[in-house]
Amino acid sequence: MTKRAWTAALLLAAGVLAGCGGKQEADGREVVLYCSVDQELARQIIREYERRSGVRVLARFDTEASKTVGLVQRIRAEAGDPAADVFWSGEVFHTIRLAGEGLLAEYPGGPADWPAGLADGQGRWYGFALRARVIAYHTGRVAAEEAPRTLEDVLDGRWAGRVVMARPEFGTTGGDVASWFVHYGPARATEILRALKANGVRLVDGNSTAVRMVATGQADVCFTDTDDVYAAQRNGWPVAMNPLDQGGAGALAIPNTAAILKGAPHEKEARELMAFLLSEDVERLLAASESHNTPVRAKLPADLARHAIGRRLEVDYARVAEQLPSALRAAMEILP
């Protein structure tokens, strides 16, 4: 989407988002947001919220190399005296773990008809705006008909020395690896990690770095997320993608999540920001953005449907979150 079209979408949303509370006399009000979503995208959403609500958003972001994990550790460290009010994460697994540690507050004001599996039973977190795990490849070095279409394809010896992936201890790669342990079982998932090691997979600092290495010919294939490939294509890089299909069962879809921290110093403002982040119009903005997130609401406008995620892996996010520590230990023992 062009910047002009994005601006138009924001202006449209400004009118239809009035149902989230309308313009308020909010002199001096503020809310502290910890956010692991890409800054350029998140700041546009934040500015729209500030414009509409009058509430100042003090946002702290994670770095690409420590995506999500840095803020999660900060939330844990500040548990006795929280500095932040809301956590907007680009993934779900660490959010679930924070809920299990008792660090998230209940937010019963969420939509009652939220899709199954995308909300905590106690209202401590909600998932929205999906991305998918994909296999990106260099279009000048890999023909479309030869590009790998499943995780198993990448294990073939023909891809030896040609694959990169983000370090699994950070970002969405860790959740993806943990989903292998749930979907395939620990024994087969361990075999997959060993096969990747045998194929000479290289670990890099973040999904965007992996895509950049493919685009510049330093690798032919990488595991990444849909939004990183859309960013590469926007830059004119020779990169295309196939879903990272797990044995024909579909690709892992990863939602954004929003949650209020327990003991949030600005509770009223935190609830207002949550209502905004979970609104249908914010999902529409994220779908129309250059990230092209897929809304969790069933109906999607025709002009945005071409970016919708295809077959999704049926997965219990809570089980994946439970497997995360052991999956990461296995990955870091095998892959380096």
Protein backbone atom coordinates (compact mmCIF):
# COMPACT_ATOMS: atom_id res chain seq x y z
CA MET A 1 0.00 0.00 0.00
CA THR A 2 1.29 3.48 -0.83
CA LYS A 3 1.85 6.04 1.91
CA ARG A 4 -0.98 8.12 0.43
CA ALA A 5 -3.35 5.15 0.64
CA TRP A 6 -2.19 4.42 4.18
CA THR A 7 -2.90 8.01 5.18
CA ALA A 8 -6.35 7.77 3.62
CA ALA A 9 -7.01 4.61 5.60
CA LEU A 10 -6.03 6.36 8.81
CA LEU A 11 -8.33 9.27 8.04
CA LEU A 12 -11.17 6.88 7.35
CA ALA A 13 -10.49 5.05 10.60
CA ALA A 14 -10.55 8.34 12.48
CA GLY A 15 -14.20 8.65 11.60
CA VAL A 16 -15.29 5.08 12.26
CA LEU A 17 -13.31 4.60 15.46
CA ALA A 18 -15.50 7.02 17.35
CA GLY A 19 -17.20 4.02 18.94
CA CYS A 20 -14.04 3.31 20.94
CA GLY A 21 -14.66 6.32 23.14
CA GLY A 22 -14.49 9.44 21.00
CA LYS A 23 -12.33 12.51 21.47
CA GLN A 24 -11.83 13.25 25.13
CA GLU A 25 -10.60 16.12 27.22
CA ALA A 26 -7.50 14.26 28.31
CA ASP A 27 -5.05 16.99 29.34
CA GLY A 28 -2.11 15.39 31.10
CA ARG A 29 -3.32 11.83 30.66
CA GLU A 30 -0.83 9.23 29.50
CA VAL A 31 -0.37 5.51 29.13
CA VAL A 32 2.87 3.51 28.96
CA LEU A 33 3.07 0.91 26.19
CA TYR A 34 5.67 -1.81 25.81
CA CYS A 35 5.62 -2.86 22.15
CA SER A 36 7.55 -5.51 20.22
CA VAL A 37 5.84 -4.75 16.89
CA ASP A 38 7.94 -3.07 14.20
CA GLN A 39 8.29 0.56 15.20
CA GLU A 40 7.34 2.16 11.89
CA LEU A 41 4.05 0.30 11.81
CA ALA A 42 3.25 0.62 15.51
CA ARG A 43 4.02 4.34 15.67
CA GLN A 44 1.42 5.10 12.99
CA ILE A 45 -1.23 3.24 14.99
CA ILE A 46 -0.09 4.97 18.19
CA ARG A 47 -0.22 8.43 16.61
CA GLU A 48 -3.76 7.78 15.44
CA TYR A 49 -4.78 6.76 18.95
CA GLU A 50 -3.17 9.86 20.45
CA ARG A 51 -4.89 12.08 17.88
CA ARG A 52 -8.26 10.56 18.57
CA SER A 53 -8.12 10.16 22.35
CA GLY A 54 -5.90 13.01 23.48
CA VAL A 55 -3.98 10.51 25.64
CA ARG A 56 -0.20 10.59 25.32
CA VAL A 57 1.33 7.16 24.63
CA LEU A 58 4.81 6.63 26.02
CA ALA A 59 6.08 3.70 23.97
CA ARG A 60 9.14 1.55 24.52
CA PHE A 61 10.19 -0.84 21.73
CA ASP A 62 12.39 -3.91 21.50
CA THR A 63 15.38 -4.24 19.18
CA GLU A 64 15.30 -6.57 16.18
CA ALA A 65 17.95 -8.83 17.68
CA SER A 66 16.09 -9.32 21.00
CA LYS A 67 12.57 -9.13 19.55
CA THR A 68 9.91 -9.56 22.27
CA VAL A 69 12.22 -11.33 24.71
CA GLY A 70 13.86 -8.12 25.93
CA LEU A 71 10.55 -6.54 26.88
CA VAL A 72 9.28 -9.78 28.40
CA GLN A 73 12.32 -9.88 30.68
CA ARG A 74 11.75 -6.24 31.56
CA ILE A 75 8.13 -6.95 32.50
CA ARG A 76 9.31 -9.75 34.77
CA ALA A 77 11.97 -7.55 36.36
CA GLU A 78 9.42 -4.80 37.04
CA ALA A 79 6.70 -7.11 38.35
CA GLY A 80 6.82 -5.65 41.86
CA ASP A 81 6.44 -2.09 40.61
CA PRO A 82 5.29 -2.07 36.96
CA ALA A 83 6.44 0.83 34.81
CA ALA A 84 4.21 -0.07 31.86
CA ASP A 85 0.46 -0.38 31.46
CA VAL A 86 -0.08 -2.33 28.22
CA PHE A 87 1.97 -4.92 26.35
CA TRP A 88 1.43 -5.08 22.59
CA SER A 89 3.42 -8.03 21.32
CA GLY A 90 4.05 -9.27 17.81
CA GLU A 91 3.59 -12.86 18.99
CA VAL A 92 1.53 -14.89 21.44
CA PHE A 93 3.74 -17.45 23.15
CA HIS A 94 5.62 -15.21 25.58
CA THR A 95 2.37 -13.39 26.34
CA ILE A 96 0.79 -16.68 27.40
CA ARG A 97 3.76 -17.40 29.63
CA LEU A 98 3.45 -13.97 31.26
CA ALA A 99 -0.20 -14.72 31.97
CA GLY A 100 0.76 -18.04 33.54
CA GLU A 101 3.24 -16.23 35.78
CA GLY A 102 0.47 -13.99 37.08
CA LEU A 103 1.87 -10.80 35.50
CA LEU A 104 -1.16 -9.87 33.38
CA ALA A 105 -4.42 -8.36 34.59
CA GLU A 106 -7.87 -9.55 33.60
CA TYR A 107 -9.58 -7.49 30.94
CA PRO A 108 -13.16 -8.78 30.84
CA GLY A 109 -14.20 -5.93 28.54
CA GLY A 110 -12.94 -7.74 25.45
CA PRO A 111 -15.38 -8.76 22.71
CA ALA A 112 -17.47 -11.73 23.83
CA ASP A 113 -17.40 -13.37 20.41
CA TRP A 114 -13.62 -13.41 20.04
CA PRO A 115 -12.43 -16.34 17.88
CA ALA A 116 -11.74 -19.57 19.73
CA GLY A 117 -8.11 -20.07 20.70
CA LEU A 118 -7.26 -16.39 20.31
CA ALA A 119 -8.19 -15.22 23.79
CA ASP A 120 -7.26 -16.25 27.30
CA GLY A 121 -10.11 -17.85 29.25
CA GLN A 122 -9.64 -15.27 32.01
CA GLY A 123 -9.40 -12.31 29.63
CA ARG A 124 -5.72 -11.69 30.35
CA TRP A 125 -4.70 -11.49 26.68
CA TYR A 126 -6.30 -11.29 23.24
CA GLY A 127 -4.82 -12.24 19.87
CA PHE A 128 -5.46 -10.26 16.68
CA ALA A 129 -3.93 -9.34 13.31
CA LEU A 130 -2.21 -12.54 12.17
CA ARG A 131 1.05 -13.10 10.34
CA ALA A 132 2.22 -16.48 9.03
CA ARG A 133 5.50 -18.32 8.98
CA VAL A 134 6.83 -18.70 5.45
CA ILE A 135 9.76 -19.95 3.40
CA ALA A 136 11.28 -17.01 1.51
CA TYR A 137 13.48 -17.60 -1.52
CA HIS A 138 15.57 -15.62 -4.04
CA THR A 139 13.58 -15.45 -7.28
CA GLY A 140 16.70 -15.17 -9.42
CA ARG A 141 18.42 -18.18 -7.88
CA VAL A 142 15.46 -20.45 -7.15
CA ALA A 143 12.71 -21.12 -9.71
CA ALA A 144 9.17 -20.87 -8.35
CA GLU A 145 8.41 -24.48 -9.27
CA GLU A 146 11.55 -25.65 -7.42
CA ALA A 147 11.15 -23.55 -4.28
CA PRO A 148 10.53 -25.54 -1.08
CA ARG A 149 6.89 -25.64 0.02
CA THR A 150 7.11 -27.57 3.29
CA LEU A 151 9.45 -27.77 6.24
CA GLU A 152 10.39 -31.25 5.06
CA ASP A 153 11.44 -29.91 1.65
CA VAL A 154 14.09 -27.71 3.26
CA LEU A 155 15.67 -30.77 4.86
CA ASP A 156 16.60 -32.15 1.43
CA GLY A 157 20.33 -32.22 0.71
CA ARG A 158 19.87 -29.95 -2.32
CA TRP A 159 19.50 -27.02 0.09
CA ALA A 160 22.72 -27.76 1.99
CA GLY A 161 24.51 -24.51 2.79
CA ARG A 162 21.72 -22.44 1.23
CA VAL A 163 19.42 -21.84 4.24
CA VAL A 164 19.40 -19.19 6.97
CA MET A 165 17.04 -18.61 9.89
CA ALA A 166 16.75 -16.20 12.80
CA ARG A 167 18.14 -17.32 16.13
CA PRO A 168 15.28 -19.19 17.80
CA GLU A 169 15.79 -17.68 21.24
CA PHE A 170 14.26 -14.41 19.98
CA GLY A 171 11.15 -13.38 18.09
CA THR A 172 8.73 -15.61 16.21
CA THR A 173 11.29 -18.24 15.25
CA GLY A 174 11.27 -19.64 18.78
CA GLY A 175 7.51 -20.09 18.72
CA ASP A 176 7.74 -21.69 15.29
CA VAL A 177 10.31 -24.22 16.50
CA ALA A 178 8.21 -24.94 19.59
CA SER A 179 5.22 -25.58 17.32
CA TRP A 180 7.24 -28.35 15.63
CA PHE A 181 7.53 -30.07 19.01
CA VAL A 182 3.76 -29.89 19.45
CA HIS A 183 2.80 -30.83 15.89
CA TYR A 184 5.39 -33.54 15.18
CA GLY A 185 6.23 -34.60 18.73
CA PRO A 186 9.59 -34.09 20.48
CA ALA A 187 11.38 -37.00 18.80
CA ARG A 188 10.58 -35.95 15.23
CA ALA A 189 11.12 -32.26 15.99
CA THR A 190 14.57 -33.09 17.32
CA GLU A 191 15.29 -35.01 14.12
CA ILE A 192 14.23 -31.95 12.10
CA LEU A 193 16.64 -29.73 14.03
CA ARG A 194 19.46 -32.22 13.46
CA ALA A 195 18.63 -32.38 9.75
CA LEU A 196 18.77 -28.58 9.54
CA LYS A 197 22.15 -28.66 11.27
CA ALA A 198 23.38 -31.33 8.86
CA ASN A 199 22.26 -29.12 5.99
CA GLY A 200 24.42 -26.30 7.29
CA VAL A 201 21.65 -23.89 8.32
CA ARG A 202 23.06 -20.53 9.44
CA LEU A 203 21.61 -18.55 12.35
CA VAL A 204 21.31 -14.77 12.06
CA ASP A 205 20.00 -11.90 14.20
CA GLY A 206 16.35 -11.62 13.24
CA ASN A 207 13.91 -12.39 10.44
CA SER A 208 14.62 -9.19 8.54
CA THR A 209 18.33 -10.05 8.46
CA ALA A 210 17.51 -13.51 7.12
CA VAL A 211 15.43 -12.02 4.32
CA ARG A 212 18.14 -9.48 3.52
CA MET A 213 20.69 -12.27 3.18
CA VAL A 214 18.44 -14.05 0.71
CA ALA A 215 17.84 -10.85 -1.24
CA THR A 216 21.57 -10.12 -1.50
CA GLY A 217 22.46 -13.66 -2.59
CA GLN A 218 24.18 -14.69 0.65
CA ALA A 219 21.57 -17.46 0.96
CA ASP A 220 18.88 -18.87 -1.27
CA VAL A 221 16.19 -19.74 1.28
CA CYS A 222 15.15 -18.62 4.76
CA PHE A 223 12.41 -19.08 7.34
CA THR A 224 10.66 -15.82 8.19
CA ASP A 225 7.27 -14.09 8.57
CA THR A 226 4.95 -12.74 5.90
CA ASP A 227 5.50 -9.10 6.85
CA ASP A 228 9.27 -9.34 6.32
CA VAL A 229 8.74 -10.65 2.79
CA TYR A 230 6.22 -7.89 2.03
CA ALA A 231 8.80 -5.36 3.21
CA ALA A 232 11.44 -6.90 0.93
CA GLN A 233 9.11 -6.85 -2.05
CA ARG A 234 8.22 -3.24 -1.33
CA ASN A 235 11.95 -2.48 -1.59
CA GLY A 236 12.09 -4.20 -4.96
CA TRP A 237 14.17 -7.10 -3.67
CA PRO A 238 14.06 -10.42 -5.61
CA VAL A 239 12.21 -12.34 -2.90
CA ALA A 240 9.06 -14.50 -3.01
CA MET A 241 7.54 -16.89 -0.47
CA ASN A 242 5.67 -20.11 0.15
CA PRO A 243 3.90 -21.02 3.40
CA LEU A 244 6.14 -22.85 5.87
CA ASP A 245 3.82 -25.84 5.74
CA GLN A 246 4.34 -28.45 8.44
CA GLY A 247 3.95 -31.80 6.71
CA GLY A 248 0.93 -30.72 4.68
CA ALA A 249 -1.02 -29.60 7.76
CA GLY A 250 -0.60 -25.87 7.13
CA ALA A 251 1.65 -23.02 8.24
CA LEU A 252 1.80 -21.55 11.72
CA ALA A 253 -0.20 -18.33 12.00
CA ILE A 254 1.03 -16.01 14.75
CA PRO A 255 -1.24 -13.31 16.17
CA ASN A 256 -0.34 -10.01 17.69
CA THR A 257 -1.42 -9.93 21.33
CA ALA A 258 -2.53 -7.16 23.65
CA ALA A 259 -2.60 -7.37 27.44
CA ILE A 260 -2.78 -5.12 30.48
CA LEU A 261 -0.02 -5.59 33.02
CA LYS A 262 -1.06 -6.42 36.56
CA GLY A 263 -0.60 -3.34 38.72
CA ALA A 264 -0.61 -1.01 35.72
CA PRO A 265 -0.11 2.54 37.03
CA HIS A 266 -2.64 4.01 34.57
CA GLU A 267 -5.39 1.42 34.68
CA LYS A 268 -8.18 3.54 33.16
CA GLU A 269 -6.00 4.61 30.24
CA ALA A 270 -4.75 1.04 29.82
CA ARG A 271 -8.31 -0.23 29.37
CA GLU A 272 -9.03 2.48 26.82
CA LEU A 273 -5.92 1.62 24.83
CA MET A 274 -6.85 -2.08 24.94
CA ALA A 275 -10.29 -1.28 23.52
CA PHE A 276 -8.61 0.58 20.68
CA LEU A 277 -6.08 -2.16 19.87
CA LEU A 278 -8.82 -4.80 19.79
CA SER A 279 -11.16 -2.77 17.60
CA GLU A 280 -12.15 -4.02 14.17
CA ASP A 281 -10.85 -0.85 12.59
CA VAL A 282 -7.34 -1.29 13.96
CA GLU A 283 -7.30 -4.75 12.41
CA ARG A 284 -8.44 -3.17 9.16
CA LEU A 285 -5.60 -0.65 9.38
CA LEU A 286 -3.06 -3.40 10.00
CA ALA A 287 -4.45 -5.39 7.07
CA ALA A 288 -4.22 -2.34 4.82
CA SER A 289 -0.72 -1.47 6.05
CA GLU A 290 2.49 -2.62 4.43
CA SER A 291 2.55 -5.50 6.92
CA HIS A 292 -0.75 -6.95 5.55
CA ASN A 293 -1.80 -8.70 8.76
CA THR A 294 -4.81 -10.98 8.42
CA PRO A 295 -7.70 -9.91 10.70
CA VAL A 296 -9.14 -12.48 13.08
CA ARG A 297 -12.65 -11.30 12.21
CA ALA A 298 -14.12 -13.55 9.54
CA LYS A 299 -15.15 -10.90 7.02
CA LEU A 300 -12.38 -9.23 5.05
CA PRO A 301 -12.86 -6.60 2.35
CA ALA A 302 -12.20 -7.83 -1.19
CA ASP A 303 -9.35 -5.37 -1.70
CA LEU A 304 -7.46 -6.87 1.26
CA ALA A 305 -8.32 -10.54 0.75
CA ARG A 306 -5.40 -11.24 -1.59
CA HIS A 307 -3.03 -11.00 1.37
CA ALA A 308 -5.07 -13.31 3.60
CA ILE A 309 -3.23 -16.27 5.11
CA GLY A 310 -4.10 -19.57 3.46
CA ARG A 311 -4.26 -22.88 5.26
CA ARG A 312 -3.37 -22.42 8.92
CA LEU A 313 -1.85 -25.06 11.12
CA GLU A 314 -4.33 -26.20 13.74
CA VAL A 315 -2.42 -25.57 16.93
CA ASP A 316 -3.02 -24.96 20.61
CA TYR A 317 -1.01 -21.81 21.36
CA ALA A 318 -0.93 -22.63 25.07
CA ARG A 319 0.69 -26.00 24.36
CA VAL A 320 3.27 -24.33 22.15
CA ALA A 321 4.01 -21.79 24.90
CA GLU A 322 4.45 -24.67 27.35
CA GLN A 323 6.91 -26.35 25.00
CA LEU A 324 8.87 -23.17 24.34
CA PRO A 325 11.64 -23.50 26.98
CA SER A 326 12.47 -27.14 26.18
CA ALA A 327 12.24 -26.53 22.43
CA LEU A 328 14.64 -23.60 22.71
CA ARG A 329 17.08 -25.64 24.77
CA ALA A 330 17.06 -28.36 22.14
CA ALA A 331 17.46 -25.87 19.30
CA MET A 332 20.37 -24.07 20.90
CA GLU A 333 22.11 -27.35 21.76
CA ILE A 334 21.77 -28.69 18.20
CA LEU A 335 21.96 -25.72 15.82
CA PRO A 336 24.98 -23.58 16.82
